[in-house]
N, C-alpha and C. Protein backbone atom coordinates (compact mmCIF):
# COMPACT_ATOMS: atom_id res chain seq x y z
N MET A 1 -127.60 50.04 -14.99
CA MET A 1 -127.30 50.39 -13.63
C MET A 1 -127.66 49.25 -12.69
N ARG A 2 -128.74 48.58 -12.96
CA ARG A 2 -129.22 47.48 -12.11
C ARG A 2 -128.24 46.31 -12.15
N LYS A 3 -127.69 46.03 -13.34
CA LYS A 3 -126.73 44.94 -13.47
C LYS A 3 -125.47 45.21 -12.64
N GLU A 4 -125.05 46.47 -12.62
CA GLU A 4 -123.87 46.83 -11.84
C GLU A 4 -124.12 46.61 -10.35
N GLU A 5 -125.31 46.96 -9.90
CA GLU A 5 -125.65 46.77 -8.49
C GLU A 5 -125.71 45.29 -8.13
N GLU A 6 -126.30 44.49 -9.01
CA GLU A 6 -126.37 43.05 -8.77
C GLU A 6 -124.96 42.45 -8.75
N HIS A 7 -124.14 42.91 -9.68
CA HIS A 7 -122.76 42.42 -9.74
C HIS A 7 -122.01 42.79 -8.45
N GLN A 8 -122.21 44.01 -7.98
CA GLN A 8 -121.55 44.47 -6.75
C GLN A 8 -122.04 43.66 -5.55
N GLU A 9 -123.34 43.37 -5.50
CA GLU A 9 -123.88 42.56 -4.41
C GLU A 9 -123.30 41.14 -4.43
N THR A 10 -123.16 40.61 -5.62
CA THR A 10 -122.56 39.28 -5.76
C THR A 10 -121.12 39.29 -5.26
N LEU A 11 -120.39 40.32 -5.67
CA LEU A 11 -119.00 40.43 -5.22
C LEU A 11 -118.91 40.61 -3.71
N ASN A 12 -119.77 41.41 -3.14
CA ASN A 12 -119.77 41.63 -1.69
C ASN A 12 -120.10 40.33 -0.94
N GLY A 13 -121.08 39.60 -1.46
CA GLY A 13 -121.44 38.32 -0.84
C GLY A 13 -120.30 37.32 -0.90
N ARG A 14 -119.65 37.25 -2.04
CA ARG A 14 -118.51 36.34 -2.19
C ARG A 14 -117.37 36.76 -1.27
N ALA A 15 -117.11 38.06 -1.18
CA ALA A 15 -116.04 38.55 -0.31
C ALA A 15 -116.35 38.21 1.15
N GLU A 16 -117.61 38.32 1.52
CA GLU A 16 -118.01 37.98 2.90
C GLU A 16 -117.80 36.49 3.17
N GLN A 17 -118.15 35.64 2.20
CA GLN A 17 -117.92 34.20 2.34
C GLN A 17 -116.43 33.90 2.48
N TRP A 18 -115.63 34.58 1.68
CA TRP A 18 -114.19 34.35 1.72
C TRP A 18 -113.61 34.79 3.07
N ARG A 19 -114.10 35.92 3.58
CA ARG A 19 -113.63 36.37 4.90
C ARG A 19 -113.97 35.33 5.97
N GLY A 20 -115.17 34.79 5.89
CA GLY A 20 -115.57 33.75 6.84
C GLY A 20 -114.70 32.51 6.72
N SER A 21 -114.41 32.11 5.48
CA SER A 21 -113.54 30.95 5.26
C SER A 21 -112.13 31.22 5.78
N LEU A 22 -111.65 32.43 5.57
CA LEU A 22 -110.32 32.80 6.04
C LEU A 22 -110.26 32.76 7.56
N GLU A 23 -111.29 33.28 8.21
CA GLU A 23 -111.35 33.24 9.68
C GLU A 23 -111.40 31.80 10.19
N GLU A 24 -112.14 30.96 9.49
CA GLU A 24 -112.21 29.54 9.87
C GLU A 24 -110.85 28.88 9.75
N LEU A 25 -110.13 29.16 8.68
CA LEU A 25 -108.80 28.58 8.50
C LEU A 25 -107.82 29.12 9.54
N GLU A 26 -107.92 30.40 9.85
CA GLU A 26 -107.05 30.98 10.87
C GLU A 26 -107.35 30.37 12.24
N GLY A 27 -108.62 29.99 12.47
CA GLY A 27 -108.97 29.31 13.70
C GLY A 27 -108.44 27.88 13.73
N ARG A 28 -108.44 27.23 12.59
CA ARG A 28 -107.96 25.85 12.49
C ARG A 28 -106.44 25.79 12.60
N TYR A 29 -105.74 26.81 12.08
CA TYR A 29 -104.28 26.86 12.12
C TYR A 29 -103.86 28.17 12.78
N PRO A 30 -104.02 28.30 14.11
CA PRO A 30 -103.71 29.57 14.77
C PRO A 30 -102.23 29.92 14.62
N GLY A 31 -101.96 31.17 14.37
CA GLY A 31 -100.60 31.63 14.22
C GLY A 31 -100.06 31.53 12.79
N LEU A 32 -100.78 30.89 11.91
CA LEU A 32 -100.34 30.74 10.53
C LEU A 32 -100.87 31.90 9.70
N GLN A 33 -100.00 32.53 8.95
CA GLN A 33 -100.39 33.67 8.12
C GLN A 33 -100.70 33.20 6.70
N PHE A 34 -101.86 33.59 6.21
CA PHE A 34 -102.29 33.19 4.87
C PHE A 34 -102.09 34.29 3.84
N THR A 35 -101.47 35.40 4.23
CA THR A 35 -101.33 36.52 3.31
C THR A 35 -100.51 36.16 2.08
N GLU A 36 -99.46 35.34 2.26
CA GLU A 36 -98.64 34.93 1.12
C GLU A 36 -99.45 34.06 0.16
N GLY A 37 -100.26 33.17 0.71
CA GLY A 37 -101.08 32.29 -0.12
C GLY A 37 -102.12 33.05 -0.93
N LEU A 38 -102.58 34.17 -0.41
CA LEU A 38 -103.58 34.97 -1.14
C LEU A 38 -103.01 35.57 -2.42
N ARG A 39 -101.69 35.70 -2.47
CA ARG A 39 -101.05 36.30 -3.65
C ARG A 39 -100.60 35.27 -4.68
N ARG A 40 -100.69 34.03 -4.37
CA ARG A 40 -100.17 32.98 -5.26
C ARG A 40 -101.10 32.76 -6.45
N PRO A 41 -100.52 32.57 -7.63
CA PRO A 41 -101.32 32.31 -8.83
C PRO A 41 -102.12 31.01 -8.73
N ALA A 42 -101.63 30.04 -7.98
CA ALA A 42 -102.34 28.77 -7.85
C ALA A 42 -103.72 28.97 -7.24
N LEU A 43 -103.84 29.94 -6.32
CA LEU A 43 -105.13 30.23 -5.70
C LEU A 43 -106.12 30.71 -6.76
N LYS A 44 -105.68 31.62 -7.59
CA LYS A 44 -106.56 32.15 -8.65
C LYS A 44 -106.98 31.05 -9.62
N GLU A 45 -106.03 30.20 -9.98
CA GLU A 45 -106.34 29.11 -10.91
C GLU A 45 -107.38 28.16 -10.31
N LEU A 46 -107.21 27.82 -9.05
CA LEU A 46 -108.16 26.91 -8.40
C LEU A 46 -109.55 27.55 -8.28
N LEU A 47 -109.58 28.84 -7.98
CA LEU A 47 -110.88 29.52 -7.88
C LEU A 47 -111.57 29.57 -9.24
N ARG A 48 -110.81 29.81 -10.30
CA ARG A 48 -111.39 29.82 -11.64
C ARG A 48 -111.91 28.44 -12.03
N ALA A 49 -111.27 27.40 -11.50
CA ALA A 49 -111.70 26.03 -11.80
C ALA A 49 -112.92 25.62 -10.99
N GLY A 50 -113.36 26.47 -10.08
CA GLY A 50 -114.57 26.18 -9.32
C GLY A 50 -114.34 25.58 -7.94
N VAL A 51 -113.10 25.54 -7.48
CA VAL A 51 -112.81 25.02 -6.14
C VAL A 51 -113.22 26.07 -5.12
N ASP A 52 -113.79 25.62 -4.00
CA ASP A 52 -114.21 26.59 -2.99
C ASP A 52 -112.99 27.29 -2.39
N PHE A 53 -113.21 28.48 -1.86
CA PHE A 53 -112.12 29.34 -1.41
C PHE A 53 -111.25 28.68 -0.33
N ALA A 54 -111.89 28.08 0.68
CA ALA A 54 -111.12 27.50 1.78
C ALA A 54 -110.20 26.37 1.27
N SER A 55 -110.72 25.51 0.44
CA SER A 55 -109.91 24.40 -0.10
C SER A 55 -108.79 24.94 -0.99
N ALA A 56 -109.11 25.92 -1.81
CA ALA A 56 -108.10 26.50 -2.70
C ALA A 56 -106.98 27.16 -1.90
N LEU A 57 -107.35 27.86 -0.84
CA LEU A 57 -106.33 28.52 -0.01
C LEU A 57 -105.48 27.49 0.73
N GLU A 58 -106.10 26.40 1.19
CA GLU A 58 -105.32 25.35 1.84
C GLU A 58 -104.32 24.73 0.88
N VAL A 59 -104.74 24.50 -0.36
CA VAL A 59 -103.82 23.94 -1.35
C VAL A 59 -102.71 24.94 -1.67
N ALA A 60 -103.06 26.20 -1.80
CA ALA A 60 -102.06 27.22 -2.12
C ALA A 60 -101.05 27.39 -0.98
N CYS A 61 -101.48 27.16 0.24
CA CYS A 61 -100.61 27.32 1.42
C CYS A 61 -100.12 25.99 1.98
N LEU A 62 -100.21 24.94 1.20
CA LEU A 62 -99.88 23.60 1.69
C LEU A 62 -98.49 23.50 2.32
N PRO A 63 -97.44 24.07 1.73
CA PRO A 63 -96.12 23.96 2.38
C PRO A 63 -96.10 24.60 3.77
N GLU A 64 -96.73 25.75 3.92
CA GLU A 64 -96.77 26.41 5.22
C GLU A 64 -97.61 25.62 6.21
N ILE A 65 -98.71 25.04 5.74
CA ILE A 65 -99.57 24.26 6.62
C ILE A 65 -98.84 23.01 7.11
N ARG A 66 -98.13 22.35 6.20
CA ARG A 66 -97.36 21.16 6.61
C ARG A 66 -96.31 21.51 7.65
N ALA A 67 -95.58 22.60 7.42
CA ALA A 67 -94.56 23.02 8.38
C ALA A 67 -95.19 23.36 9.73
N TYR A 68 -96.34 24.04 9.68
CA TYR A 68 -97.05 24.39 10.91
C TYR A 68 -97.47 23.13 11.66
N LEU A 69 -98.04 22.15 10.95
CA LEU A 69 -98.50 20.92 11.60
C LEU A 69 -97.34 20.11 12.17
N GLU A 70 -96.20 20.10 11.47
CA GLU A 70 -95.03 19.41 11.99
C GLU A 70 -94.54 20.06 13.27
N GLU A 71 -94.47 21.39 13.29
CA GLU A 71 -94.05 22.10 14.49
C GLU A 71 -95.01 21.86 15.64
N GLU A 72 -96.30 21.88 15.33
CA GLU A 72 -97.33 21.66 16.36
C GLU A 72 -97.22 20.25 16.94
N ALA A 73 -97.01 19.26 16.08
CA ALA A 73 -96.87 17.88 16.54
C ALA A 73 -95.62 17.72 17.41
N ALA A 74 -94.52 18.34 17.01
CA ALA A 74 -93.29 18.27 17.80
C ALA A 74 -93.47 18.95 19.15
N ARG A 75 -94.17 20.07 19.17
CA ARG A 75 -94.41 20.78 20.42
C ARG A 75 -95.26 19.94 21.37
N ARG A 76 -96.32 19.33 20.83
CA ARG A 76 -97.20 18.50 21.66
C ARG A 76 -96.46 17.27 22.19
N ALA A 77 -95.62 16.66 21.35
CA ALA A 77 -94.85 15.50 21.78
C ALA A 77 -93.89 15.88 22.90
N ALA A 78 -93.25 17.03 22.76
CA ALA A 78 -92.33 17.50 23.81
C ALA A 78 -93.09 17.76 25.11
N GLU A 79 -94.28 18.33 25.02
CA GLU A 79 -95.10 18.56 26.21
C GLU A 79 -95.45 17.24 26.89
N ARG A 80 -95.88 16.25 26.09
CA ARG A 80 -96.24 14.95 26.66
C ARG A 80 -95.04 14.28 27.33
N LEU A 81 -93.88 14.37 26.69
CA LEU A 81 -92.68 13.79 27.28
C LEU A 81 -92.34 14.47 28.60
N ALA A 82 -92.47 15.79 28.63
CA ALA A 82 -92.19 16.52 29.87
C ALA A 82 -93.19 16.16 30.96
N GLN A 83 -94.45 16.00 30.58
CA GLN A 83 -95.46 15.62 31.57
C GLN A 83 -95.19 14.22 32.10
N ASN A 84 -94.84 13.30 31.22
CA ASN A 84 -94.56 11.93 31.66
C ASN A 84 -93.31 11.86 32.53
N ALA A 85 -92.32 12.68 32.23
CA ALA A 85 -91.10 12.70 33.03
C ALA A 85 -91.38 13.25 34.42
N ALA A 86 -92.35 14.15 34.52
CA ALA A 86 -92.69 14.76 35.81
C ALA A 86 -93.54 13.84 36.68
N ARG A 87 -94.14 12.83 36.09
CA ARG A 87 -94.99 11.90 36.86
C ARG A 87 -94.15 11.08 37.83
N ALA A 88 -94.74 10.75 38.95
CA ALA A 88 -94.07 9.88 39.91
C ALA A 88 -94.00 8.47 39.35
N LYS A 89 -92.93 7.79 39.66
CA LYS A 89 -92.78 6.41 39.20
C LYS A 89 -93.77 5.53 39.95
N GLU A 90 -94.31 4.57 39.24
CA GLU A 90 -95.22 3.63 39.87
C GLU A 90 -94.43 2.56 40.59
N ASN A 91 -95.03 1.92 41.57
CA ASN A 91 -94.33 0.95 42.40
C ASN A 91 -93.69 -0.16 41.59
N ALA A 92 -94.40 -0.70 40.62
CA ALA A 92 -93.89 -1.84 39.88
C ALA A 92 -92.76 -1.47 38.92
N VAL A 93 -92.57 -0.18 38.69
CA VAL A 93 -91.55 0.25 37.73
C VAL A 93 -90.19 0.40 38.40
N ALA A 94 -90.16 0.63 39.70
CA ALA A 94 -88.90 0.87 40.39
C ALA A 94 -88.03 -0.38 40.38
N ALA A 95 -86.75 -0.19 40.19
CA ALA A 95 -85.83 -1.32 40.14
C ALA A 95 -85.74 -2.02 41.49
N ALA A 96 -85.90 -1.27 42.58
CA ALA A 96 -85.81 -1.86 43.91
C ALA A 96 -87.05 -2.66 44.28
N GLY A 97 -88.10 -2.57 43.49
CA GLY A 97 -89.34 -3.23 43.82
C GLY A 97 -89.36 -4.72 43.50
N THR A 98 -88.38 -5.21 42.79
CA THR A 98 -88.38 -6.63 42.44
C THR A 98 -87.74 -7.44 43.55
N ALA A 99 -88.26 -8.62 43.76
CA ALA A 99 -87.73 -9.48 44.81
C ALA A 99 -86.47 -10.17 44.32
N ALA A 100 -85.49 -10.28 45.20
CA ALA A 100 -84.23 -10.95 44.85
C ALA A 100 -84.24 -12.35 45.43
N TYR A 101 -84.08 -13.35 44.59
CA TYR A 101 -84.04 -14.74 45.04
C TYR A 101 -82.67 -15.30 44.72
N PRO A 102 -82.24 -16.22 45.54
CA PRO A 102 -80.96 -16.86 45.24
C PRO A 102 -81.03 -17.56 43.88
N SER A 103 -79.90 -17.65 43.22
CA SER A 103 -79.91 -18.30 41.92
C SER A 103 -80.03 -19.81 42.10
N GLY A 104 -81.03 -20.36 41.47
CA GLY A 104 -81.27 -21.80 41.55
C GLY A 104 -82.17 -22.15 42.73
N THR A 105 -82.98 -23.17 42.52
CA THR A 105 -83.92 -23.57 43.56
C THR A 105 -83.22 -24.28 44.72
N HIS A 106 -82.06 -24.84 44.48
CA HIS A 106 -81.34 -25.54 45.54
C HIS A 106 -80.90 -24.61 46.67
N ALA A 107 -80.75 -23.32 46.38
CA ALA A 107 -80.29 -22.37 47.38
C ALA A 107 -81.44 -21.66 48.10
N MET A 108 -82.69 -21.93 47.72
CA MET A 108 -83.84 -21.26 48.33
C MET A 108 -84.16 -21.84 49.70
N THR A 109 -84.56 -20.94 50.56
CA THR A 109 -85.00 -21.37 51.88
C THR A 109 -86.48 -21.72 51.82
N LYS A 110 -87.00 -22.31 52.90
CA LYS A 110 -88.43 -22.63 52.96
C LYS A 110 -89.24 -21.34 52.85
N LYS A 111 -88.76 -20.26 53.45
CA LYS A 111 -89.45 -18.97 53.39
C LYS A 111 -89.53 -18.48 51.93
N ASP A 112 -88.44 -18.60 51.17
CA ASP A 112 -88.42 -18.20 49.76
C ASP A 112 -89.42 -19.03 48.95
N ARG A 113 -89.42 -20.33 49.17
CA ARG A 113 -90.34 -21.20 48.43
C ARG A 113 -91.80 -20.89 48.78
N ASP A 114 -92.08 -20.65 50.05
CA ASP A 114 -93.44 -20.30 50.47
C ASP A 114 -93.89 -18.98 49.82
N GLU A 115 -92.98 -18.04 49.72
CA GLU A 115 -93.30 -16.75 49.08
C GLU A 115 -93.63 -16.96 47.60
N ILE A 116 -92.88 -17.79 46.91
CA ILE A 116 -93.14 -18.08 45.50
C ILE A 116 -94.49 -18.77 45.35
N VAL A 117 -94.80 -19.73 46.21
CA VAL A 117 -96.09 -20.43 46.16
C VAL A 117 -97.22 -19.43 46.36
N ARG A 118 -97.08 -18.52 47.35
CA ARG A 118 -98.11 -17.52 47.60
C ARG A 118 -98.33 -16.63 46.37
N ARG A 119 -97.26 -16.21 45.71
CA ARG A 119 -97.37 -15.34 44.53
C ARG A 119 -97.99 -16.09 43.36
N VAL A 120 -97.65 -17.36 43.18
CA VAL A 120 -98.22 -18.16 42.09
C VAL A 120 -99.71 -18.35 42.32
N LEU A 121 -100.12 -18.62 43.56
CA LEU A 121 -101.54 -18.79 43.88
C LEU A 121 -102.31 -17.49 43.66
N ALA A 122 -101.61 -16.36 43.76
CA ALA A 122 -102.25 -15.07 43.53
C ALA A 122 -102.35 -14.77 42.03
N GLY A 123 -101.79 -15.64 41.19
CA GLY A 123 -101.92 -15.47 39.74
C GLY A 123 -100.70 -14.93 39.05
N GLU A 124 -99.63 -14.71 39.78
CA GLU A 124 -98.41 -14.16 39.19
C GLU A 124 -97.64 -15.27 38.48
N GLU A 125 -97.02 -14.95 37.38
CA GLU A 125 -96.19 -15.90 36.66
C GLU A 125 -94.75 -15.74 37.12
N ILE A 126 -94.16 -16.77 37.60
CA ILE A 126 -92.79 -16.72 38.12
C ILE A 126 -91.87 -17.47 37.17
N ARG A 127 -90.75 -16.86 36.84
CA ARG A 127 -89.75 -17.52 36.02
C ARG A 127 -88.46 -17.61 36.81
N LEU A 128 -87.94 -18.79 36.89
CA LEU A 128 -86.71 -19.01 37.64
C LEU A 128 -85.54 -19.22 36.71
């Protein structure tokens, strides 16, 4: 009778650990269902081989986890693109922000040349 009680306690302890591992995995991959993975023979084989429950369940559910991570990455990328598109353009990015100079130095006025000298002295690299 004592052996049965010890065996039952061991099973209860292991079940509690597995529940905790399952909750941890559900927290790591929110929205992903592990019920299908719990029925897979690969999970049982890994557990018999001594692999811990969380790792065995991740391996058994690897296709679903990969699909979930791909969807999550695509969703985050779309959010970032939408956020960047909503941002105001910076001054230097606008096409109208660049100075227009006549083509060739022979057509520049004294004012144009003085402006280029001022910008070069400020550290800007000018290409003509």
